[in-house]
Amino acid sequence: MRMDSQDRNRKGYRGSFTRSFFYAFEGLLFVLRTERNIKFHLFFAAIVISMSLYVQITKVEWLVVILVIGGMFVIEIINTAIENVVDLVTEEYHPLAKIAKDVAASAALVFACISVIIGVILFGPYFMVTFK
């Protein structure tokens, strides 16, 4: 079944505005159940939050931590969506499908590296004082 723009714009498509939150929550649960990397990021998010509580970071630092953790989750969720759309379009190997998946995964890798750098800049001074 093909869905065109008229179907998407039709009143009542997929239900009400509040129903759309249910679909978004289903998507989040799918990612949490099926994606290994999101579990990895959850584990490290818990460590970062624990460290943040331990060293009592400032409100501005909390904002940075929340944005970095949230950004990582968003990128992983988008990466999962792209991978699933590519798999929907073709089940056989295609070089463009590989590029699409690799590029989406590279976005997560780049943001993870940036997150580590931010973590070192943010927590480095606290641990320099603690372990002096």
Protein backbone atom coordinates (compact mmCIF):
# COMPACT_ATOMS: atom_id res chain seq x y z
CA MET A 1 0.00 0.00 0.00
CA ARG A 2 1.38 3.36 -1.01
CA MET A 3 0.87 6.45 1.09
CA ASP A 4 0.85 9.78 -0.71
CA SER A 5 0.79 13.32 0.66
CA GLN A 6 -3.03 13.45 0.54
CA ASP A 7 -3.21 10.46 2.87
CA ARG A 8 -0.79 12.07 5.32
CA ASN A 9 -2.65 15.38 5.33
CA ARG A 10 -6.10 13.81 5.70
CA LYS A 11 -7.74 14.69 9.01
CA GLY A 12 -7.54 11.76 11.35
CA TYR A 13 -4.55 10.11 9.68
CA ARG A 14 -2.97 7.90 12.38
CA GLY A 15 -5.35 9.43 14.88
CA SER A 16 -5.29 12.50 17.02
CA PHE A 17 -2.48 14.73 18.20
CA THR A 18 -2.37 12.88 21.53
CA ARG A 19 -2.28 9.56 19.66
CA SER A 20 0.91 10.75 17.95
CA PHE A 21 2.62 10.71 21.35
CA PHE A 22 1.70 7.05 21.66
CA TYR A 23 3.35 6.31 18.29
CA ALA A 24 6.45 8.26 19.31
CA PHE A 25 6.61 6.30 22.56
CA GLU A 26 6.28 3.04 20.58
CA GLY A 27 9.24 4.13 18.46
CA LEU A 28 11.29 4.89 21.56
CA LEU A 29 10.46 1.51 23.07
CA PHE A 30 11.44 -0.19 19.80
CA VAL A 31 14.83 1.50 19.86
CA LEU A 32 15.38 0.69 23.54
CA ARG A 33 14.47 -2.97 22.98
CA THR A 34 16.35 -3.59 19.76
CA GLU A 35 19.39 -1.31 19.52
CA ARG A 36 22.60 -2.35 21.27
CA ASN A 37 24.17 1.09 20.92
CA ILE A 38 21.33 2.87 22.72
CA LYS A 39 21.87 0.52 25.68
CA PHE A 40 25.57 1.38 25.61
CA HIS A 41 24.71 5.10 25.65
CA LEU A 42 22.21 4.58 28.50
CA PHE A 43 24.94 2.90 30.54
CA PHE A 44 27.38 5.76 29.98
CA ALA A 45 24.66 8.37 30.54
CA ALA A 46 24.07 6.81 33.98
CA ILE A 47 27.81 7.03 34.72
CA VAL A 48 27.97 10.68 33.59
CA ILE A 49 24.89 11.59 35.64
CA SER A 50 26.38 9.83 38.68
CA MET A 51 29.68 11.69 38.22
CA SER A 52 27.77 14.95 37.83
CA LEU A 53 25.96 14.37 41.11
CA TYR A 54 29.20 13.36 42.82
CA VAL A 55 31.18 16.46 41.82
CA GLN A 56 28.13 18.75 42.10
CA ILE A 57 28.36 20.42 38.71
CA THR A 58 26.79 23.85 38.12
CA LYS A 59 23.41 24.48 36.50
CA VAL A 60 25.08 25.51 33.24
CA GLU A 61 27.18 22.34 33.29
CA TRP A 62 23.97 20.32 33.87
CA LEU A 63 22.50 21.96 30.78
CA VAL A 64 25.54 20.89 28.76
CA VAL A 65 25.36 17.33 30.12
CA ILE A 66 21.64 17.06 29.38
CA LEU A 67 22.08 18.45 25.85
CA VAL A 68 24.96 16.10 25.09
CA ILE A 69 23.16 13.02 26.45
CA GLY A 70 19.92 13.99 24.71
CA GLY A 71 21.74 14.74 21.47
CA MET A 72 23.40 11.34 21.50
CA PHE A 73 20.06 9.60 21.99
CA VAL A 74 18.42 11.62 19.22
CA ILE A 75 21.21 10.81 16.78
CA GLU A 76 21.02 7.10 17.62
CA ILE A 77 17.24 7.16 17.13
CA ILE A 78 17.57 8.89 13.74
CA ASN A 79 20.31 6.43 12.79
CA THR A 80 17.95 3.55 13.59
CA ALA A 81 15.19 5.14 11.51
CA ILE A 82 17.51 5.56 8.52
CA GLU A 83 18.76 1.97 8.80
CA ASN A 84 15.21 0.63 8.92
CA VAL A 85 14.07 2.70 5.94
CA VAL A 86 17.07 1.48 3.92
CA ASP A 87 16.24 -2.11 4.89
CA LEU A 88 12.63 -1.52 3.84
CA VAL A 89 13.67 -0.27 0.41
CA THR A 90 16.12 -3.07 -0.37
CA GLU A 91 17.01 -6.37 1.21
CA GLU A 92 19.90 -7.04 -1.14
CA TYR A 93 23.28 -5.37 -1.01
CA HIS A 94 23.46 -2.05 -2.78
CA PRO A 95 26.42 0.36 -2.55
CA LEU A 96 24.12 3.36 -2.00
CA ALA A 97 22.28 1.54 0.80
CA LYS A 98 25.64 0.84 2.44
CA ILE A 99 26.64 4.51 2.11
CA ALA A 100 23.34 5.68 3.63
CA LYS A 101 23.75 3.36 6.61
CA ASP A 102 27.46 4.15 7.06
CA VAL A 103 26.90 7.91 6.89
CA ALA A 104 24.06 7.72 9.44
CA ALA A 105 26.28 5.66 11.75
CA SER A 106 29.13 8.13 11.26
CA ALA A 107 26.92 10.93 12.61
CA ALA A 108 26.58 8.95 15.84
CA LEU A 109 30.32 8.29 15.92
CA VAL A 110 31.21 11.96 15.42
CA PHE A 111 28.79 13.07 18.13
CA ALA A 112 30.09 10.39 20.51
CA CYS A 113 33.66 11.69 19.99
CA ILE A 114 32.48 15.26 20.56
CA SER A 115 30.68 14.07 23.72
CA VAL A 116 33.88 12.54 25.07
CA ILE A 117 35.78 15.79 24.41
CA ILE A 118 33.05 17.79 26.15
CA GLY A 119 33.18 15.33 29.06
CA VAL A 120 36.95 15.75 29.43
CA ILE A 121 36.64 19.54 29.32
CA LEU A 122 33.71 19.52 31.76
CA PHE A 123 34.89 16.93 34.28
CA GLY A 124 38.66 17.27 33.93
CA PRO A 125 38.99 20.20 36.35
CA TYR A 126 36.85 18.45 38.96
CA PHE A 127 38.94 15.30 38.88
CA MET A 128 42.22 17.22 38.78
CA VAL A 129 41.24 18.73 42.14
CA THR A 130 39.91 15.43 43.52
CA PHE A 131 42.95 13.35 42.59
CA LYS A 132 45.64 15.94 43.31
